[in-house]
Amino acid sequence: MSLFAIISTLVVIAAFFGYINVRFLKMPTTIGLMVITIVFTLLVLATSMFDNTLLEQEKLFITQIDFKTVLLDVMLSFLLFAGALHTNFQQLKVQRKPILIFATFSTLISTFLIGVFSFFLLKLVNIDVNFVYCLLFGALISPTDPIAVLGILKQVAAPKILETKIVGESLFNDGVGVVVFLTIYQIAKGSGTVTFGTIAEMFLVEVVGGIALGLLLGWFTYRLLKSIDDYDVEVIITLAAVMGGTVLAQYLHLSAPLAMVTAGLIVGTDTVRKSSMSKITEQYVDKFWELIDILLNTVLFVLIGMELLILTYNSMYILAGLLLIPTLLFARYLSLMLPIKLYAKKLDFVPKTNLIMTWGGLRGGISIALALSLTTEMHRDLFLVITYIIVVFSIIVQGLTVGKLIKKIVK
């Protein structure tokens, strides 16, 4: 099947399932699409007991899509730029210290805690896994997914001060999580000696270099937008910044996601908007990126639902995944405890911020993409099943209830 045919099929499926959700289910888009796709996939699996033609066709289709490459190398940059573009920069600036600690310290603590907990829990269900592979799982599942979080929080009337913390952490902990994952991945593969210097160099190149590139892209985009007044060309300039910036980041081995977050935050600030965009340009830029955001989100969550077909169905894997859900939530709660206590009074946190951020820290496609990159020796099938169970629970159960939790606590 050609690339155009694959993209067309995904868009058609996403449009059809999106229509069903809006017309009948009326759930938040990301949740509704995942639910419908999973139900559809389960029905295909059920009908395969009588005739496996449809199942084989769907399997053939999904195996032609490199989910990891599509998400991490292509879709993620667009989604993060769109999310950052509509983030309140002033609130983010006020909350920058706790957000920085959430994205670094809390991610590292969560990785370690999940690694330890999963190591002993897997032994309880008679699955023997090397500790370093459990740490690798901790690294891929610890970062909250900005795509899932942004999609859900749009539907929730959360206080801006709380929304900024959750969104800000999710936008920035992706880069840290990937660096931690790659570091542990190298150790697990036994490919050379990984020293503190190696880790520091990787962090500087990936994270700091990505942010520096984003600052440069944001400034350059701002100068171009300011020098002309043509909304058509200005929209194309923002698109070029994302596409060209992503290619450049990949070529320089920098973090493209962090570069796009930084560039999006700069272009989206009130100061840049007022000084470089006319009212009509601002409207067109916002509407264009909102459309890109919605389109890619719908396709992404359809893909996540369809990934159900590639799982290895093992009862012990499923049991481990179910047991690790509360374990993961507990580890996240502990990892957020210290930073929240440090800044709760200084920045006037809302009541029970830790509980809300724990339940509102959704996992999504990034975790699945990283799990897909594991090798067979790293227990890829086991951790893929566990990751999928956690992601589905996170998006459907936590996503549907986080709004009610916020309304109950923040009155």
Protein backbone atom coordinates (compact mmCIF):
# COMPACT_ATOMS: atom_id res chain seq x y z
CA MET A 1 0.00 0.00 0.00
CA SER A 2 1.37 3.44 -0.93
CA LEU A 3 2.09 6.16 1.62
CA PHE A 4 -0.77 8.28 0.25
CA ALA A 5 -3.17 5.33 0.53
CA ILE A 6 -2.14 4.71 4.15
CA ILE A 7 -2.59 8.39 5.10
CA SER A 8 -5.92 8.57 3.26
CA THR A 9 -7.20 5.42 4.98
CA LEU A 10 -6.25 6.75 8.42
CA VAL A 11 -7.92 10.12 7.78
CA VAL A 12 -11.10 8.43 6.49
CA ILE A 13 -11.24 6.12 9.53
CA ALA A 14 -10.56 9.03 11.89
CA ALA A 15 -13.30 11.14 10.26
CA PHE A 16 -15.82 8.28 10.43
CA PHE A 17 -15.04 7.40 14.04
CA GLY A 18 -14.98 11.10 14.94
CA TYR A 19 -18.45 11.52 13.47
CA ILE A 20 -19.75 8.55 15.51
CA ASN A 21 -18.26 10.06 18.67
CA VAL A 22 -19.70 13.55 18.13
CA ARG A 23 -23.06 12.24 16.92
CA PHE A 24 -23.64 9.53 19.52
CA LEU A 25 -21.03 9.14 22.30
CA LYS A 26 -20.24 12.85 22.83
CA MET A 27 -16.97 12.05 24.65
CA PRO A 28 -13.83 14.20 24.47
CA THR A 29 -12.36 13.58 21.00
CA THR A 30 -9.21 11.70 22.06
CA ILE A 31 -11.08 9.41 24.44
CA GLY A 32 -13.99 8.79 22.10
CA LEU A 33 -11.76 7.87 19.17
CA MET A 34 -9.71 5.46 21.25
CA VAL A 35 -12.83 3.78 22.65
CA ILE A 36 -14.43 3.39 19.22
CA THR A 37 -11.22 2.08 17.63
CA ILE A 38 -10.66 -0.45 20.41
CA VAL A 39 -14.28 -1.65 20.19
CA PHE A 40 -13.95 -1.93 16.41
CA THR A 41 -10.69 -3.87 16.73
CA LEU A 42 -12.23 -6.23 19.31
CA LEU A 43 -15.17 -6.85 16.97
CA VAL A 44 -12.72 -7.67 14.17
CA LEU A 45 -10.97 -10.13 16.51
CA ALA A 46 -14.32 -11.69 17.41
CA THR A 47 -15.41 -12.10 13.78
CA SER A 48 -12.06 -13.74 12.97
CA MET A 49 -13.32 -16.87 14.73
CA PHE A 50 -15.67 -17.33 11.76
CA ASP A 51 -13.79 -15.50 8.99
CA ASN A 52 -10.34 -13.96 9.47
CA THR A 53 -10.28 -12.01 6.19
CA LEU A 54 -10.95 -8.62 7.83
CA LEU A 55 -8.49 -9.35 10.63
CA GLU A 56 -5.71 -10.22 8.21
CA GLN A 57 -6.38 -7.06 6.20
CA GLU A 58 -6.27 -4.87 9.30
CA LYS A 59 -3.10 -6.57 10.54
CA LEU A 60 -1.49 -6.05 7.13
CA PHE A 61 -2.46 -2.39 7.24
CA ILE A 62 -1.16 -1.71 10.76
CA THR A 63 2.13 -3.56 10.16
CA GLN A 64 2.88 -1.21 7.26
CA ILE A 65 2.91 1.75 9.65
CA ASP A 66 6.05 2.41 11.69
CA PHE A 67 4.25 3.88 14.72
CA LYS A 68 7.48 4.91 16.47
CA THR A 69 8.80 6.84 13.45
CA VAL A 70 5.44 8.37 12.56
CA LEU A 71 4.87 9.69 16.08
CA LEU A 72 8.35 10.62 17.35
CA ASP A 73 9.88 11.86 14.08
CA VAL A 74 6.87 13.43 12.35
CA MET A 75 3.64 14.02 14.29
CA LEU A 76 5.11 15.02 17.65
CA SER A 77 6.71 18.26 16.43
CA PHE A 78 3.45 19.52 14.92
CA LEU A 79 1.41 18.57 17.99
CA LEU A 80 3.83 20.14 20.47
CA PHE A 81 4.15 23.37 18.49
CA ALA A 82 0.36 23.64 18.29
CA GLY A 83 0.04 22.96 22.02
CA ALA A 84 2.76 25.42 23.01
CA LEU A 85 1.33 28.08 20.69
CA HIS A 86 -1.88 28.17 22.74
CA THR A 87 -0.24 27.88 26.18
CA ASN A 88 -0.37 30.83 28.57
CA PHE A 89 3.26 31.97 28.53
CA GLN A 90 2.87 34.42 31.42
CA GLN A 91 1.52 31.72 33.74
CA LEU A 92 4.24 29.37 32.54
CA LYS A 93 6.86 31.98 33.40
CA VAL A 94 5.47 32.37 36.93
CA GLN A 95 5.40 28.59 37.45
CA ARG A 96 8.76 27.94 35.73
CA LYS A 97 10.65 26.68 38.82
CA PRO A 98 8.24 23.93 39.92
CA ILE A 99 7.64 22.96 36.26
CA LEU A 100 11.41 22.59 35.75
CA ILE A 101 11.69 20.37 38.83
CA PHE A 102 8.63 18.32 37.79
CA ALA A 103 10.16 17.77 34.34
CA THR A 104 13.60 16.74 35.63
CA PHE A 105 13.80 15.64 39.27
CA SER A 106 10.32 14.09 39.39
CA THR A 107 10.86 12.21 36.11
CA LEU A 108 14.13 10.72 37.40
CA ILE A 109 12.59 9.75 40.76
CA SER A 110 9.56 8.24 39.04
CA THR A 111 11.81 6.23 36.69
CA PHE A 112 13.71 4.74 39.62
CA LEU A 113 10.61 4.02 41.73
CA ILE A 114 8.74 2.35 38.87
CA GLY A 115 11.84 0.33 38.03
CA VAL A 116 12.09 -0.97 41.62
CA PHE A 117 8.35 -1.58 42.04
CA SER A 118 7.96 -3.34 38.69
CA PHE A 119 11.03 -5.54 39.37
CA PHE A 120 9.50 -6.99 42.55
CA LEU A 121 5.92 -7.03 41.27
CA LEU A 122 6.90 -9.03 38.17
CA LYS A 123 8.63 -11.55 40.42
CA LEU A 124 5.36 -11.96 42.33
CA VAL A 125 3.63 -13.07 39.12
CA ASN A 126 6.53 -15.39 38.23
CA ILE A 127 8.03 -13.19 35.49
CA ASP A 128 11.78 -12.89 35.90
CA VAL A 129 13.13 -9.67 34.37
CA ASN A 130 16.57 -8.11 34.78
CA PHE A 131 16.46 -4.93 36.90
CA VAL A 132 17.96 -2.76 34.14
CA TYR A 133 15.02 -3.65 31.86
CA CYS A 134 12.60 -2.65 34.61
CA LEU A 135 14.40 0.70 34.83
CA LEU A 136 14.05 1.01 31.07
CA PHE A 137 10.31 0.48 31.46
CA GLY A 138 10.29 3.11 34.21
CA ALA A 139 11.94 5.58 31.84
CA LEU A 140 9.48 5.03 28.99
CA ILE A 141 6.34 5.18 31.16
CA SER A 142 7.33 8.03 33.55
CA PRO A 143 6.94 11.09 31.27
CA THR A 144 3.37 12.29 30.97
CA ASP A 145 2.26 12.60 27.37
CA PRO A 146 1.73 16.24 26.28
CA ILE A 147 -0.55 15.14 23.43
CA ALA A 148 -2.91 13.22 25.68
CA VAL A 149 -2.80 15.88 28.42
CA LEU A 150 -3.45 18.82 26.08
CA GLY A 151 -6.30 17.00 24.37
CA ILE A 152 -8.07 16.19 27.65
CA LEU A 153 -7.47 19.50 29.47
CA LYS A 154 -9.19 21.41 26.68
CA GLN A 155 -12.39 19.74 27.86
CA VAL A 156 -11.81 20.48 31.57
CA ALA A 157 -12.54 23.80 33.25
CA ALA A 158 -9.42 23.64 35.42
CA PRO A 159 -7.96 26.74 37.14
CA LYS A 160 -5.31 28.28 34.89
CA ILE A 161 -2.65 28.04 37.59
CA LEU A 162 -3.22 24.27 37.80
CA GLU A 163 -3.57 23.74 34.05
CA THR A 164 -0.24 25.51 33.49
CA LYS A 165 1.57 23.11 35.84
CA ILE A 166 0.15 20.00 34.19
CA VAL A 167 0.62 21.25 30.62
CA GLY A 168 4.05 22.79 31.32
CA GLU A 169 5.36 19.61 32.92
CA SER A 170 4.02 17.49 30.06
CA LEU A 171 5.51 19.75 27.38
CA PHE A 172 9.01 19.65 28.87
CA ASN A 173 9.41 16.27 30.58
CA ASP A 174 9.25 14.53 27.21
CA GLY A 175 12.81 15.61 26.35
CA VAL A 176 14.15 14.60 29.74
CA GLY A 177 12.33 11.26 29.61
CA VAL A 178 13.74 10.42 26.18
CA VAL A 179 17.30 11.23 27.32
CA VAL A 180 16.88 9.01 30.40
CA PHE A 181 15.39 6.26 28.24
CA LEU A 182 18.24 6.41 25.70
CA THR A 183 20.84 6.37 28.47
CA ILE A 184 19.38 3.28 30.16
CA TYR A 185 18.85 1.72 26.71
CA GLN A 186 22.58 1.97 26.02
CA ILE A 187 23.39 0.39 29.39
CA ALA A 188 20.86 -2.41 28.75
CA LYS A 189 22.38 -3.12 25.33
CA GLY A 190 25.86 -3.15 26.82
CA SER A 191 27.06 -0.84 24.05
CA GLY A 192 30.10 0.73 25.61
CA THR A 193 30.68 2.32 29.00
CA VAL A 194 28.11 4.93 29.97
CA THR A 195 29.72 7.46 32.31
CA PHE A 196 28.41 10.59 34.00
CA GLY A 197 30.18 12.58 31.29
CA THR A 198 28.35 10.66 28.58
CA ILE A 199 25.01 11.28 30.26
CA ALA A 200 25.78 14.98 30.78
CA GLU A 201 26.86 15.34 27.15
CA MET A 202 23.69 13.64 25.91
CA PHE A 203 21.58 15.89 28.14
CA LEU A 204 23.33 19.05 26.95
CA VAL A 205 23.14 18.13 23.28
CA GLU A 206 19.58 16.80 23.26
CA VAL A 207 17.84 19.04 25.80
CA VAL A 208 19.82 22.28 26.01
CA GLY A 209 20.64 22.17 22.30
CA GLY A 210 16.98 21.56 21.44
CA ILE A 211 15.82 24.50 23.55
CA ALA A 212 18.55 26.74 22.05
CA LEU A 213 17.44 25.78 18.53
CA GLY A 214 13.83 26.50 19.50
CA LEU A 215 14.79 29.96 20.74
CA LEU A 216 16.57 30.66 17.46
CA LEU A 217 13.64 29.37 15.39
CA GLY A 218 11.16 31.36 17.43
CA TRP A 219 13.14 34.57 17.09
CA PHE A 220 13.71 34.07 13.35
CA THR A 221 10.01 33.30 12.79
CA TYR A 222 9.06 36.41 14.77
CA ARG A 223 11.35 38.61 12.64
CA LEU A 224 9.87 37.23 9.43
CA LEU A 225 6.28 37.67 10.64
CA LYS A 226 7.00 41.22 11.77
CA SER A 227 8.48 42.26 8.42
CA ILE A 228 5.36 41.48 6.33
CA ASP A 229 1.58 41.70 6.55
CA ASP A 230 0.12 38.84 4.53
CA TYR A 231 -1.76 36.21 6.53
CA ASP A 232 -1.43 33.50 3.87
CA VAL A 233 2.37 33.71 3.77
CA GLU A 234 2.62 34.15 7.54
CA VAL A 235 0.74 30.90 8.16
CA ILE A 236 3.10 29.15 5.75
CA ILE A 237 6.09 30.64 7.62
CA THR A 238 4.92 29.06 10.90
CA LEU A 239 4.48 25.74 9.09
CA ALA A 240 7.96 26.04 7.58
CA ALA A 241 9.42 26.77 11.02
CA VAL A 242 8.05 23.47 12.33
CA MET A 243 8.94 21.33 9.33
CA GLY A 244 12.33 22.89 8.63
CA GLY A 245 13.16 23.10 12.33
CA THR A 246 12.35 19.42 12.86
CA VAL A 247 14.57 18.33 9.97
CA LEU A 248 17.40 20.56 11.24
CA ALA A 249 17.06 19.23 14.81
CA GLN A 250 17.18 15.63 13.59
CA TYR A 251 20.23 16.41 11.44
CA LEU A 252 22.03 18.02 14.39
CA HIS A 253 20.87 15.25 16.79
CA LEU A 254 19.00 17.73 19.00
CA SER A 255 15.63 17.27 20.68
CA ALA A 256 13.10 18.27 18.01
CA PRO A 257 10.16 18.10 20.48
CA LEU A 258 11.81 20.57 22.88
CA ALA A 259 12.79 22.83 19.98
CA MET A 260 9.16 22.94 18.81
CA VAL A 261 7.83 23.58 22.32
CA THR A 262 10.23 26.48 22.76
CA ALA A 263 9.51 27.95 19.31
CA GLY A 264 5.75 27.59 19.85
CA LEU A 265 5.91 29.35 23.22
CA ILE A 266 7.84 32.28 21.70
CA VAL A 267 5.55 32.71 18.68
CA GLY A 268 2.49 32.37 20.90
CA THR A 269 3.42 35.03 23.47
CA ASP A 270 1.21 38.11 23.65
CA THR A 271 4.20 40.38 22.97
CA VAL A 272 5.14 38.59 19.74
CA ARG A 273 1.52 38.36 18.60
CA LYS A 274 0.82 42.06 19.12
CA SER A 275 4.04 43.26 17.53
CA SER A 276 4.23 40.88 14.55
CA MET A 277 0.69 39.80 13.62
CA SER A 278 -2.38 41.67 12.52
CA LYS A 279 -5.72 40.57 13.98
CA ILE A 280 -6.62 38.62 10.86
CA THR A 281 -3.18 36.93 10.75
CA GLU A 282 -3.51 35.94 14.40
CA GLN A 283 -6.93 34.41 13.71
CA TYR A 284 -5.67 32.46 10.69
CA VAL A 285 -2.55 31.20 12.50
CA ASP A 286 -4.61 30.06 15.50
CA LYS A 287 -7.29 28.36 13.39
CA PHE A 288 -4.72 26.66 11.15
CA TRP A 289 -2.82 25.15 14.08
CA GLU A 290 -6.02 24.20 15.88
CA LEU A 291 -7.03 22.25 12.76
CA ILE A 292 -3.61 20.58 12.53
CA ASP A 293 -3.83 19.71 16.22
CA ILE A 294 -7.30 18.16 15.90
CA LEU A 295 -6.48 16.25 12.70
CA LEU A 296 -3.25 14.71 14.00
CA ASN A 297 -4.79 13.92 17.39
CA THR A 298 -7.65 12.03 15.75
CA VAL A 299 -5.25 10.02 13.57
CA LEU A 300 -2.91 9.36 16.52
CA PHE A 301 -5.57 7.95 18.81
CA VAL A 302 -7.01 5.81 16.03
CA LEU A 303 -3.50 4.38 15.58
CA ILE A 304 -3.17 3.74 19.32
CA GLY A 305 -6.45 1.84 19.29
CA MET A 306 -5.38 -0.24 16.29
CA GLU A 307 -2.06 -1.18 17.95
CA LEU A 308 -4.16 -3.66 19.94
CA LEU A 309 -3.65 -6.08 17.06
CA ILE A 310 0.12 -6.37 17.53
CA LEU A 311 0.02 -7.31 21.21
CA THR A 312 1.08 -10.75 22.46
CA TYR A 313 -1.88 -12.07 24.44
CA ASN A 314 -0.49 -13.66 27.60
CA SER A 315 -2.60 -13.81 30.77
CA MET A 316 0.40 -13.13 33.02
CA TYR A 317 1.37 -10.06 30.97
CA ILE A 318 -2.17 -8.72 31.28
CA LEU A 319 -2.22 -9.40 35.04
CA ALA A 320 1.12 -7.60 35.44
CA GLY A 321 -0.21 -4.61 33.51
CA LEU A 322 -3.32 -4.37 35.70
CA LEU A 323 -1.27 -4.64 38.90
CA LEU A 324 1.16 -1.98 37.74
CA ILE A 325 -1.57 0.66 37.23
CA PRO A 326 -1.89 1.55 40.96
CA THR A 327 1.87 1.07 41.37
CA LEU A 328 2.54 3.64 38.65
CA LEU A 329 0.11 6.13 40.19
CA PHE A 330 1.74 5.69 43.61
CA ALA A 331 5.21 6.24 42.16
CA ARG A 332 4.05 9.43 40.43
CA TYR A 333 2.45 10.69 43.65
CA LEU A 334 5.72 10.16 45.55
CA SER A 335 7.83 11.78 42.81
CA LEU A 336 5.72 14.97 42.92
CA MET A 337 5.55 15.24 46.70
CA LEU A 338 8.80 17.12 47.42
CA PRO A 339 8.57 19.77 44.65
CA ILE A 340 4.95 20.52 45.53
CA LYS A 341 5.79 20.92 49.24
CA LEU A 342 8.65 23.27 48.36
CA TYR A 343 6.52 25.63 46.25
CA ALA A 344 2.96 25.13 47.55
CA LYS A 345 2.93 28.24 49.74
CA LYS A 346 5.16 30.44 47.57
CA LEU A 347 3.04 30.05 44.43
CA ASP A 348 -0.39 29.52 46.02
CA PHE A 349 -1.06 26.00 44.73
CA VAL A 350 -4.67 24.82 44.56
CA PRO A 351 -5.75 22.29 47.23
CA LYS A 352 -4.50 18.71 46.76
CA THR A 353 -2.36 19.63 43.75
CA ASN A 354 -0.42 16.39 44.15
CA LEU A 355 -3.55 14.26 43.86
CA ILE A 356 -4.82 16.18 40.82
CA MET A 357 -1.45 16.10 39.04
CA THR A 358 -1.08 12.39 39.78
CA TRP A 359 -4.48 11.55 38.33
CA GLY A 360 -4.12 14.13 35.54
CA GLY A 361 -0.70 12.88 34.45
CA LEU A 362 -1.87 10.91 31.43
CA ARG A 363 0.25 8.50 29.39
CA GLY A 364 -0.18 8.20 25.64
CA GLY A 365 1.43 7.50 22.31
CA ILE A 366 4.97 8.46 23.32
CA SER A 367 5.16 5.61 25.84
CA ILE A 368 3.86 3.12 23.26
CA ALA A 369 6.35 4.38 20.67
CA LEU A 370 9.26 3.94 23.09
CA ALA A 371 8.02 0.47 24.09
CA LEU A 372 7.95 -0.49 20.41
CA SER A 373 11.64 0.42 20.15
CA LEU A 374 12.65 -2.23 22.71
CA THR A 375 14.42 -5.37 21.51
CA THR A 376 13.27 -8.94 22.14
CA GLU A 377 16.00 -9.35 24.78
CA MET A 378 14.51 -6.38 26.65
CA HIS A 379 11.17 -8.22 26.97
CA ARG A 380 9.52 -6.10 24.29
CA ASP A 381 6.28 -8.12 24.20
CA LEU A 382 5.87 -8.00 27.99
CA PHE A 383 6.47 -4.27 28.36
CA LEU A 384 4.43 -3.43 25.25
CA VAL A 385 1.37 -5.17 26.73
CA ILE A 386 1.89 -3.50 30.12
CA THR A 387 2.40 -0.09 28.50
CA TYR A 388 -0.70 -0.49 26.34
CA ILE A 389 -2.87 -1.42 29.35
CA ILE A 390 -1.56 1.58 31.33
CA VAL A 391 -2.09 3.97 28.39
CA VAL A 392 -5.65 2.78 27.76
CA PHE A 393 -6.51 3.06 31.48
CA SER A 394 -4.84 6.46 31.66
CA ILE A 395 -6.63 8.01 28.71
CA ILE A 396 -10.07 6.44 29.17
CA VAL A 397 -10.48 6.12 32.96
CA GLN A 398 -8.29 8.99 34.19
CA GLY A 399 -9.19 11.18 31.21
CA LEU A 400 -12.93 10.80 31.79
CA THR A 401 -12.71 11.42 35.54
CA VAL A 402 -10.01 14.08 35.97
CA GLY A 403 -12.55 16.84 35.27
CA LYS A 404 -14.87 15.55 37.98
CA LEU A 405 -11.94 15.29 40.40
CA ILE A 406 -10.91 18.90 39.74
CA LYS A 407 -14.48 20.18 40.16
CA LYS A 408 -14.84 18.23 43.42
CA ILE A 409 -11.58 19.49 44.94
CA VAL A 410 -11.40 23.02 43.48
CA LYS A 411 -14.77 24.55 44.36
